[in-house]
Amino acid sequence: MSSVKTLFEPKTVLLIGSSKIKEKVGLASPRLFKDVTYNMKRFFKGRTYVLDLEGKIGASSLNELTETPELAVVMLPPGKSLVYIEKCAAFGVKTFVIITGGYRDEQRQQLLRVKEDYGVRVLGPNTVMGVINTANGLNTTFEKGVLPRRGNIAFISQSGGVGACLLDLACFYGLGVSKMAFMGDKIDLDDVDLIQYLREDEETRVICLYMEGVKNGRQFIKEARKTVEKKPILVLKGGITQESAHRAKSHTGSITGSDEVFDAAFKKAGIIRVEDVEELLNAALALSKQPPMLGDNVAIVSNVGGPAILAADAVERSKLKMAKLSEETKSRIERLYPGVDATNPIDLIADARSDRFGKVLDFVLADENVDGVLVINMLKSCFFEPEDAKVIPKVAAKYPNKPVVDVPAGGEDFELVYKVIGDSPIPLYNLPEKGVKALKALRLYGKILGKRQGG
């Protein structure tokens, strides 16, 4: 695992590129080289060396370096990349990130020979953006000046394009990221290696994976099963139709296989499967902030009727259950607030402020019949103010084994509430259905842990 640790935690990194070479079709270009260099020098807390074939930026040969770098990032066309990868391997570099693609079969074989001869490890080729570690500022992407917030969600993507989308959305929504890895063609380092590393990574609480195919299915299942005992794995699978599977094979050389086989494998491994990028991010957010849900029973506390009904419909569609509140809970709520019907979903009425939300949420979470709560707090057409939302994480903290998600439904309302409690342990969603799907992910992980523990 030391080689994978070097991939994310190097003390020294060498960037290899050209300030002159530009492929007619391909990533190798002065722009790529310049932007990756900018990001590494701006963000990386270790030492960055630059080797420019033209000698305009940094060194022009390995002999000019004062030490042997632990990690090399290669941004040249395949032919020149192979020359410098072998030189670096002989020089003592142990791990490589190959940004560029376009390798022919014989060039792939040459790369594998270098790997075997020198015992080096390779991420790629065709990673497009390589790796990110927000803890030490490692950032081999060419998204100039872009680094997501430090957090506990790890992303592994076989596709540079899907990975770029995840990076963009993580930055846009302010998601906390621990690590990102763009695997490309997976000629060497793959999902199994990265999952093994992330399982022990203290910075990571949730692992998100976009995959098109897998090399060693049995090993993947074995490592995933070990990992989900410590932290959840979410998978978005590409190439599930015949047409997309064919494209995936030409895209990253993936043998995708039957979707039914993958689905069964994911279930066997305890992996939570999602259907799209948005669901992946929403589920990751919930799992990174809240405990697993240990039962099916959901309570809804809302200051509006219609969205609460939509949420209740979504609960039933998700094969969760609407919690049946105890008579004691209902009596406590209705005695304190005579105008409120304490039937789940509970409508607190449009004039509810923090005091009413806080007391009712407290009563509901204390109910043994409730396993998780979805809160809806709209601002428009209601008296609720953004600052009132502070009561939600305050009350939820009293019940650390029951997940709570919040839905300030809409666009502007969501932004206003997010500014107040976006950094709290409460995940926020802009639609009731998204909040329910988040609870569903928490419930699925609860079931996975229950099976592992013999529950």
Protein backbone atom coordinates (compact mmCIF):
# COMPACT_ATOMS: atom_id res chain seq x y z
CA MET A 1 0.00 0.00 0.00
CA SER A 2 3.01 2.34 0.24
CA SER A 3 2.76 3.05 -3.49
CA VAL A 4 -0.88 4.11 -3.19
CA LYS A 5 0.01 6.21 -0.17
CA THR A 6 2.65 7.90 -2.32
CA LEU A 7 -0.03 8.58 -4.91
CA PHE A 8 -1.95 10.72 -2.41
CA GLU A 9 0.64 11.66 0.21
CA PRO A 10 3.95 12.35 -1.56
CA LYS A 11 6.45 14.74 -0.02
CA THR A 12 7.97 15.49 -3.43
CA VAL A 13 6.33 15.60 -6.86
CA LEU A 14 7.88 15.93 -10.32
CA LEU A 15 5.81 17.44 -13.15
CA ILE A 16 6.98 16.31 -16.59
CA GLY A 17 5.75 18.17 -19.67
CA SER A 18 6.64 20.48 -22.49
CA SER A 19 6.22 24.21 -22.94
CA LYS A 20 6.29 23.63 -26.71
CA ILE A 21 4.75 20.29 -27.74
CA LYS A 22 1.06 20.41 -28.69
CA GLU A 23 -0.70 17.33 -30.02
CA LYS A 24 -3.04 17.82 -32.97
CA VAL A 25 -5.58 15.71 -31.07
CA GLY A 26 -4.81 15.01 -27.44
CA LEU A 27 -4.23 16.66 -24.09
CA ALA A 28 -0.47 17.11 -24.29
CA SER A 29 -0.01 20.86 -24.66
CA PRO A 30 1.71 23.89 -23.10
CA ARG A 31 -1.63 24.90 -21.58
CA LEU A 32 -2.05 21.59 -19.74
CA PHE A 33 1.53 21.72 -18.47
CA LYS A 34 1.24 25.34 -17.37
CA ASP A 35 -2.08 24.94 -15.54
CA VAL A 36 -1.10 21.76 -13.66
CA THR A 37 2.15 23.49 -12.65
CA TYR A 38 0.16 26.51 -11.44
CA ASN A 39 -2.14 24.35 -9.28
CA MET A 40 0.68 22.35 -7.75
CA LYS A 41 2.73 25.43 -6.89
CA ARG A 42 -0.30 27.23 -5.49
CA PHE A 43 -1.85 24.42 -3.42
CA PHE A 44 0.66 21.62 -2.74
CA LYS A 45 2.31 21.77 0.69
CA GLY A 46 5.21 19.52 -0.33
CA ARG A 47 8.02 20.18 -2.80
CA THR A 48 7.22 20.50 -6.50
CA TYR A 49 9.86 19.99 -9.20
CA VAL A 50 9.22 20.78 -12.84
CA LEU A 51 10.92 19.11 -15.80
CA ASP A 52 10.30 20.90 -19.09
CA LEU A 53 11.64 19.20 -22.21
CA GLU A 54 12.49 22.67 -23.53
CA GLY A 55 14.06 23.81 -20.28
CA LYS A 56 11.97 26.97 -20.11
CA ILE A 57 10.23 26.02 -16.83
CA GLY A 58 12.36 24.39 -14.15
CA ALA A 59 14.82 21.64 -15.05
CA SER A 60 15.48 20.15 -18.47
CA SER A 61 16.84 16.79 -17.21
CA LEU A 62 16.63 14.53 -14.17
CA ASN A 63 20.29 15.17 -13.39
CA GLU A 64 19.43 18.72 -12.36
CA LEU A 65 17.18 17.54 -9.52
CA THR A 66 18.56 17.64 -5.97
CA GLU A 67 16.54 14.62 -4.80
CA THR A 68 14.48 11.74 -6.15
CA PRO A 69 10.77 12.66 -6.34
CA GLU A 70 8.30 10.17 -4.90
CA LEU A 71 5.58 10.84 -7.49
CA ALA A 72 5.87 11.85 -11.14
CA VAL A 73 3.02 13.40 -13.14
CA VAL A 74 3.50 12.83 -16.87
CA MET A 75 1.88 15.16 -19.42
CA LEU A 76 3.53 14.17 -22.72
CA PRO A 77 2.38 12.25 -25.83
CA PRO A 78 2.65 8.45 -25.42
CA GLY A 79 6.02 7.98 -27.13
CA LYS A 80 7.83 10.65 -25.13
CA SER A 81 5.94 9.68 -21.96
CA LEU A 82 7.33 6.15 -22.14
CA VAL A 83 10.88 7.45 -22.52
CA TYR A 84 10.63 9.65 -19.45
CA ILE A 85 8.70 7.13 -17.37
CA GLU A 86 11.54 4.61 -17.84
CA LYS A 87 14.15 7.28 -17.06
CA CYS A 88 12.28 8.26 -13.89
CA ALA A 89 11.82 4.63 -12.85
CA ALA A 90 15.57 4.06 -13.22
CA PHE A 91 16.14 7.29 -11.24
CA GLY A 92 14.10 5.88 -8.34
CA VAL A 93 10.61 7.34 -8.82
CA LYS A 94 8.09 4.75 -7.58
CA THR A 95 4.66 6.04 -8.56
CA PHE A 96 3.36 7.68 -11.74
CA VAL A 97 0.25 9.58 -12.77
CA ILE A 98 -0.18 9.61 -16.54
CA ILE A 99 -2.53 12.42 -17.52
CA THR A 100 -2.49 11.92 -21.28
CA GLY A 101 -3.95 9.02 -23.27
CA GLY A 102 -3.86 7.64 -26.82
CA TYR A 103 -1.65 4.65 -26.02
CA ARG A 104 -1.55 1.89 -28.64
CA ASP A 105 -1.47 -1.76 -27.58
CA GLU A 106 2.29 -2.09 -28.03
CA GLN A 107 2.83 1.09 -25.99
CA ARG A 108 0.65 -0.31 -23.22
CA GLN A 109 2.78 -3.44 -23.19
CA GLN A 110 5.92 -1.32 -23.02
CA LEU A 111 4.48 0.57 -20.06
CA LEU A 112 3.67 -2.71 -18.31
CA ARG A 113 7.24 -3.94 -18.90
CA VAL A 114 8.60 -0.81 -17.20
CA LYS A 115 6.23 -1.41 -14.30
CA GLU A 116 7.42 -5.00 -13.92
CA ASP A 117 11.12 -4.26 -14.44
CA TYR A 118 11.29 -1.46 -11.88
CA GLY A 119 8.43 -2.35 -9.53
CA VAL A 120 6.72 1.01 -10.05
CA ARG A 121 2.97 1.70 -9.86
CA VAL A 122 0.97 3.59 -12.46
CA LEU A 123 -2.33 5.49 -12.38
CA GLY A 124 -3.65 5.76 -15.94
CA PRO A 125 -2.91 6.33 -18.74
CA ASN A 126 -5.65 8.74 -19.75
CA THR A 127 -6.46 9.87 -16.21
CA VAL A 128 -7.10 13.37 -17.67
CA MET A 129 -6.82 14.99 -14.23
CA GLY A 130 -4.97 12.59 -11.96
CA VAL A 131 -5.43 13.07 -8.21
CA ILE A 132 -6.50 15.53 -5.53
CA ASN A 133 -5.80 15.42 -1.79
CA THR A 134 -7.35 18.40 -0.03
CA ALA A 135 -5.37 17.71 3.17
CA ASN A 136 -1.96 18.42 1.60
CA GLY A 137 -3.07 20.45 -1.44
CA LEU A 138 -2.00 17.83 -3.99
CA ASN A 139 -3.84 18.87 -7.15
CA THR A 140 -2.74 17.52 -10.55
CA THR A 141 -5.82 18.79 -12.38
CA PHE A 142 -5.60 21.51 -15.02
CA GLU A 143 -8.69 23.27 -13.66
CA LYS A 144 -6.66 26.37 -12.86
CA GLY A 145 -7.13 27.63 -9.31
CA VAL A 146 -9.81 25.03 -8.48
CA LEU A 147 -9.62 22.99 -5.28
CA PRO A 148 -12.70 21.69 -3.42
CA ARG A 149 -13.26 22.27 0.28
CA ARG A 150 -11.54 19.89 2.66
CA GLY A 151 -13.96 17.29 3.99
CA ASN A 152 -14.59 13.56 4.30
CA ILE A 153 -16.04 12.41 0.96
CA ALA A 154 -13.72 10.56 -1.46
CA PHE A 155 -14.44 10.30 -5.19
CA ILE A 156 -12.96 7.69 -7.52
CA SER A 157 -13.85 8.03 -11.18
CA GLN A 158 -12.88 5.85 -14.11
CA SER A 159 -13.87 8.72 -16.40
CA GLY A 160 -12.14 12.08 -16.43
CA GLY A 161 -15.33 13.69 -17.72
CA VAL A 162 -17.57 12.30 -14.97
CA GLY A 163 -14.84 13.12 -12.47
CA ALA A 164 -14.70 16.70 -13.76
CA CYS A 165 -18.46 16.97 -13.32
CA LEU A 166 -18.17 15.69 -9.74
CA LEU A 167 -15.35 18.15 -9.06
CA ASP A 168 -17.39 21.03 -10.44
CA LEU A 169 -20.50 20.12 -8.43
CA ALA A 170 -18.49 19.54 -5.26
CA CYS A 171 -17.07 23.05 -5.59
CA PHE A 172 -20.42 24.57 -6.56
CA TYR A 173 -22.28 23.08 -3.60
CA GLY A 174 -19.36 23.40 -1.18
CA LEU A 175 -19.14 19.67 -0.48
CA GLY A 176 -16.24 18.60 1.71
CA VAL A 177 -13.84 16.36 -0.24
CA SER A 178 -11.00 14.26 1.15
CA LYS A 179 -9.55 12.66 -1.97
CA MET A 180 -10.29 12.47 -5.70
CA ALA A 181 -8.73 10.02 -8.16
CA PHE A 182 -9.34 9.82 -11.90
CA MET A 183 -8.33 6.31 -12.95
CA GLY A 184 -8.53 6.43 -16.73
CA ASP A 185 -7.50 3.19 -18.43
CA LYS A 186 -6.58 1.37 -15.17
CA ILE A 187 -3.55 -0.35 -16.67
CA ASP A 188 -2.24 -0.87 -13.12
CA LEU A 189 -3.76 0.92 -10.10
CA ASP A 190 -7.51 0.39 -10.02
CA ASP A 191 -10.65 0.46 -7.86
CA VAL A 192 -9.36 -2.32 -5.60
CA ASP A 193 -6.09 -0.54 -4.79
CA LEU A 194 -7.81 2.77 -4.11
CA ILE A 195 -10.57 1.24 -1.97
CA GLN A 196 -7.92 -0.54 0.12
CA TYR A 197 -6.19 2.77 0.73
CA LEU A 198 -9.35 4.77 1.42
CA ARG A 199 -10.60 2.13 3.87
CA GLU A 200 -7.75 3.09 6.22
CA ASP A 201 -7.72 6.80 5.35
CA GLU A 202 -8.73 8.79 8.43
CA GLU A 203 -9.75 11.76 6.27
CA THR A 204 -12.40 9.72 4.42
CA ARG A 205 -15.83 8.79 5.77
CA VAL A 206 -17.67 7.99 2.50
CA ILE A 207 -16.33 6.50 -0.75
CA CYS A 208 -18.03 7.40 -4.05
CA LEU A 209 -17.16 5.43 -7.16
CA TYR A 210 -17.99 5.94 -10.83
CA MET A 211 -17.08 2.80 -12.75
CA GLU A 212 -17.59 1.38 -16.22
CA GLY A 213 -15.93 -1.99 -15.70
CA VAL A 214 -13.75 -3.92 -13.28
CA LYS A 215 -10.69 -6.12 -13.89
CA ASN A 216 -10.94 -8.54 -10.97
CA GLY A 217 -14.53 -8.87 -9.82
CA ARG A 218 -13.88 -11.29 -6.96
CA GLN A 219 -11.11 -9.16 -5.47
CA PHE A 220 -13.27 -6.05 -5.84
CA ILE A 221 -16.13 -7.69 -3.91
CA LYS A 222 -13.74 -8.97 -1.23
CA GLU A 223 -12.20 -5.55 -0.61
CA ALA A 224 -15.54 -3.75 -0.78
CA ARG A 225 -17.06 -6.09 1.83
CA LYS A 226 -14.19 -5.33 4.20
CA THR A 227 -14.55 -1.61 3.58
CA VAL A 228 -18.29 -1.21 4.16
CA GLU A 229 -17.82 -2.45 7.71
CA LYS A 230 -15.94 0.81 8.32
CA LYS A 231 -17.45 3.24 5.84
CA PRO A 232 -20.10 3.18 3.08
CA ILE A 233 -19.37 2.79 -0.63
CA LEU A 234 -21.65 4.39 -3.21
CA VAL A 235 -21.41 3.31 -6.85
CA LEU A 236 -22.66 4.93 -10.05
CA LYS A 237 -22.25 2.39 -12.86
CA GLY A 238 -21.85 3.45 -16.47
CA GLY A 239 -22.26 1.21 -19.51
CA ILE A 240 -25.46 -0.56 -18.49
CA THR A 241 -26.98 -0.63 -22.00
CA GLN A 242 -25.51 -2.42 -25.01
CA GLU A 243 -24.77 0.85 -26.79
CA SER A 244 -23.11 2.55 -23.81
CA ALA A 245 -21.17 -0.61 -22.94
CA HIS A 246 -19.66 -0.63 -26.43
CA ARG A 247 -18.67 3.03 -26.01
CA ALA A 248 -17.18 2.32 -22.58
CA LYS A 249 -14.93 -0.34 -24.07
CA SER A 250 -13.50 2.14 -26.59
CA HIS A 251 -13.44 4.91 -23.96
CA THR A 252 -11.34 3.33 -21.21
CA GLY A 253 -10.87 -0.22 -22.45
CA SER A 254 -13.51 -1.48 -20.00
CA ILE A 255 -15.21 -4.83 -20.24
CA THR A 256 -18.46 -3.83 -18.61
CA GLY A 257 -20.29 -7.18 -18.42
CA SER A 258 -23.93 -7.84 -17.65
CA ASP A 259 -25.63 -5.17 -15.56
CA GLU A 260 -27.49 -7.88 -13.66
CA VAL A 261 -24.17 -9.45 -12.67
CA PHE A 262 -22.85 -6.09 -11.45
CA ASP A 263 -26.05 -5.42 -9.55
CA ALA A 264 -25.81 -8.76 -7.76
CA ALA A 265 -22.13 -8.16 -7.03
CA PHE A 266 -22.84 -4.74 -5.52
CA LYS A 267 -25.50 -6.22 -3.24
CA LYS A 268 -23.19 -9.05 -2.20
CA ALA A 269 -20.46 -6.56 -1.37
CA GLY A 270 -22.77 -4.25 0.58
CA ILE A 271 -22.36 -1.42 -1.92
CA ILE A 272 -25.14 1.16 -2.29
CA ARG A 273 -25.96 1.72 -5.94
CA VAL A 274 -27.24 5.07 -7.22
CA GLU A 275 -28.80 6.00 -10.55
CA ASP A 276 -27.22 9.35 -11.42
CA VAL A 277 -24.62 11.94 -10.41
CA GLU A 278 -27.08 14.02 -8.38
CA GLU A 279 -28.20 11.02 -6.33
CA LEU A 280 -24.56 10.09 -5.77
CA LEU A 281 -23.79 13.53 -4.33
CA ASN A 282 -26.98 13.72 -2.27
CA ALA A 283 -26.44 10.29 -0.72
CA ALA A 284 -22.77 11.02 -0.06
CA LEU A 285 -23.70 14.24 1.73
CA ALA A 286 -26.14 12.41 4.02
CA LEU A 287 -23.74 9.56 4.78
CA SER A 288 -20.90 11.99 5.47
CA LYS A 289 -22.90 13.91 8.08
CA GLN A 290 -25.51 11.63 9.62
CA PRO A 291 -25.63 8.19 11.30
CA PRO A 292 -27.13 5.20 9.47
CA MET A 293 -30.88 4.79 9.93
CA LEU A 294 -31.58 1.67 11.98
CA GLY A 295 -35.25 1.22 11.06
CA ASP A 296 -37.72 2.08 8.29
CA ASN A 297 -39.91 4.60 10.12
CA VAL A 298 -39.74 8.22 8.98
CA ALA A 299 -41.41 11.23 10.58
CA ILE A 300 -41.97 14.46 8.68
CA VAL A 301 -42.06 17.82 10.48
CA SER A 302 -43.06 20.69 8.20
CA ASN A 303 -44.44 24.23 8.18
CA VAL A 304 -46.30 23.64 4.89
CA GLY A 305 -48.87 20.99 3.98
CA GLY A 306 -48.37 20.24 0.27
CA PRO A 307 -44.61 19.58 0.31
CA ALA A 308 -45.09 17.38 3.39
CA ILE A 309 -47.63 15.30 1.47
CA LEU A 310 -45.21 14.99 -1.46
CA ALA A 311 -42.54 13.87 0.98
CA ALA A 312 -44.90 11.26 2.46
CA ASP A 313 -45.59 9.95 -1.06
CA ALA A 314 -41.84 9.73 -1.67
CA VAL A 315 -41.37 7.80 1.59
CA GLU A 316 -43.85 5.15 0.45
CA ARG A 317 -42.29 4.94 -3.02
CA SER A 318 -38.87 4.46 -1.44
CA LYS A 319 -40.18 1.45 0.51
CA LEU A 320 -39.69 3.25 3.79
CA LYS A 321 -42.58 3.70 6.20
CA MET A 322 -44.38 6.67 7.66
CA ALA A 323 -43.80 6.41 11.41
CA LYS A 324 -46.86 5.96 13.62
CA LEU A 325 -46.26 8.40 16.43
CA SER A 326 -47.09 7.22 19.94
CA GLU A 327 -50.18 8.63 21.62
CA GLU A 328 -47.93 10.25 24.21
CA THR A 329 -45.98 12.14 21.51
CA LYS A 330 -49.14 13.29 19.77
CA SER A 331 -50.69 14.38 23.06
CA ARG A 332 -47.60 16.38 24.07
CA ILE A 333 -47.55 18.23 20.76
CA GLU A 334 -51.29 18.98 20.64
CA ARG A 335 -51.41 20.12 24.28
CA LEU A 336 -48.59 22.59 23.65
CA TYR A 337 -49.89 23.67 20.21
CA PRO A 338 -53.70 23.15 20.05
CA GLY A 339 -53.85 24.25 16.40
CA VAL A 340 -51.48 21.52 15.24
CA ASP A 341 -52.69 18.08 14.17
CA ALA A 342 -49.88 15.80 15.34
CA THR A 343 -50.54 13.14 12.72
CA ASN A 344 -47.49 12.22 10.66
CA PRO A 345 -46.68 14.18 8.46
CA ILE A 346 -46.95 16.95 11.05
CA ASP A 347 -47.94 20.35 9.69
CA LEU A 348 -46.75 23.02 12.15
CA ILE A 349 -48.63 25.71 10.16
CA ALA A 350 -47.04 28.58 8.24
CA ASP A 351 -46.41 30.78 11.28
CA ALA A 352 -44.06 28.28 12.97
CA ARG A 353 -40.74 29.72 14.12
CA SER A 354 -37.71 28.18 15.84
CA ASP A 355 -39.44 27.56 19.18
CA ARG A 356 -42.24 25.46 17.67
CA PHE A 357 -39.90 23.60 15.32
CA GLY A 358 -37.46 22.89 18.14
CA LYS A 359 -39.97 21.54 20.65
CA VAL A 360 -41.86 19.38 18.14
CA LEU A 361 -38.66 18.00 16.64
CA ASP A 362 -37.50 17.13 20.15
CA PHE A 363 -40.75 15.28 20.91
CA VAL A 364 -40.63 13.39 17.61
CA LEU A 365 -37.00 12.31 17.90
CA ALA A 366 -37.66 11.05 21.44
CA ASP A 367 -40.43 8.76 20.12
CA GLU A 368 -39.32 5.11 19.97
CA ASN A 369 -41.46 4.61 16.85
CA VAL A 370 -39.32 7.09 14.87
CA ASP A 371 -36.06 6.05 13.18
CA GLY A 372 -35.34 9.20 11.16
CA VAL A 373 -36.82 12.65 10.53
CA LEU A 374 -37.26 14.83 7.48
CA VAL A 375 -37.74 18.53 8.30
CA ILE A 376 -39.31 20.92 5.78
CA ASN A 377 -38.92 24.61 6.57
CA MET A 378 -39.96 26.92 3.78
CA LEU A 379 -39.50 30.69 4.00
CA LYS A 380 -41.82 31.91 1.26
CA SER A 381 -45.47 32.19 2.33
CA CYS A 382 -44.27 31.39 5.87
CA PHE A 383 -43.05 33.30 8.95
CA PHE A 384 -39.92 31.12 9.23
CA GLU A 385 -36.61 33.06 9.07
CA PRO A 386 -33.20 31.64 8.07
CA GLU A 387 -31.80 32.11 11.59
CA ASP A 388 -34.61 29.91 12.94
CA ALA A 389 -32.92 26.94 11.24
CA LYS A 390 -30.18 26.91 13.90
CA VAL A 391 -32.56 25.04 16.19
CA ILE A 392 -32.49 21.95 13.93
CA PRO A 393 -28.84 20.88 14.44
CA LYS A 394 -29.13 21.91 18.11
CA VAL A 395 -32.02 19.52 18.78
CA ALA A 396 -30.73 16.78 16.47
CA ALA A 397 -27.46 16.65 18.42
CA LYS A 398 -29.41 15.28 21.41
CA TYR A 399 -30.27 12.15 19.38
CA PRO A 400 -26.99 11.06 17.72
CA ASN A 401 -28.38 7.68 16.60
CA LYS A 402 -31.30 9.07 14.61
CA PRO A 403 -30.63 10.83 11.30
CA VAL A 404 -32.20 14.19 10.48
CA VAL A 405 -32.25 15.82 7.04
CA ASP A 406 -33.57 19.28 6.25
CA VAL A 407 -35.45 20.55 3.21
CA PRO A 408 -35.70 24.34 2.84
CA ALA A 409 -37.59 23.70 -0.39
CA GLY A 410 -36.94 25.91 -3.40
CA GLY A 411 -34.00 27.87 -4.75
CA GLU A 412 -33.65 31.14 -2.88
CA ASP A 413 -35.00 29.62 0.35
CA PHE A 414 -32.42 26.85 0.12
CA GLU A 415 -29.56 29.32 -0.33
CA LEU A 416 -30.68 31.48 2.61
CA VAL A 417 -30.92 28.53 5.00
CA TYR A 418 -27.69 27.03 3.66
CA LYS A 419 -25.81 30.20 4.63
CA VAL A 420 -26.94 29.66 8.23
CA ILE A 421 -26.57 25.88 8.78
CA GLY A 422 -24.81 24.62 5.65
CA ASP A 423 -21.70 23.80 7.67
CA SER A 424 -23.64 22.00 10.40
CA PRO A 425 -24.02 18.19 10.62
CA ILE A 426 -27.48 18.50 9.03
CA PRO A 427 -27.56 17.77 5.26
CA LEU A 428 -29.73 20.17 3.27
CA TYR A 429 -31.78 19.47 0.13
CA ASN A 430 -33.90 21.75 -2.02
CA LEU A 431 -36.73 19.29 -2.70
CA PRO A 432 -38.60 16.83 -0.42
CA GLU A 433 -37.96 13.90 -2.75
CA LYS A 434 -34.18 14.44 -2.51
CA GLY A 435 -34.39 14.47 1.27
CA VAL A 436 -36.28 11.17 1.24
CA LYS A 437 -33.71 9.58 -1.08
CA ALA A 438 -31.01 10.69 1.35
CA LEU A 439 -32.83 8.96 4.21
CA LYS A 440 -33.17 5.89 1.99
CA ALA A 441 -29.38 5.79 1.54
CA LEU A 442 -28.93 6.06 5.31
CA ARG A 443 -31.40 3.21 5.78
CA LEU A 444 -29.63 1.02 3.21
CA TYR A 445 -26.35 1.49 5.03
CA GLY A 446 -28.08 0.71 8.30
CA LYS A 447 -29.27 -2.59 6.83
CA ILE A 448 -25.80 -3.38 5.48
CA LEU A 449 -24.24 -2.84 8.89
CA GLY A 450 -27.02 -4.89 10.50
CA LYS A 451 -26.27 -7.85 8.25
CA ARG A 452 -22.53 -7.57 8.93
CA GLN A 453 -23.20 -7.58 12.67
CA GLY A 454 -25.67 -10.42 12.46
CA GLY A 455 -28.67 -8.15 12.98
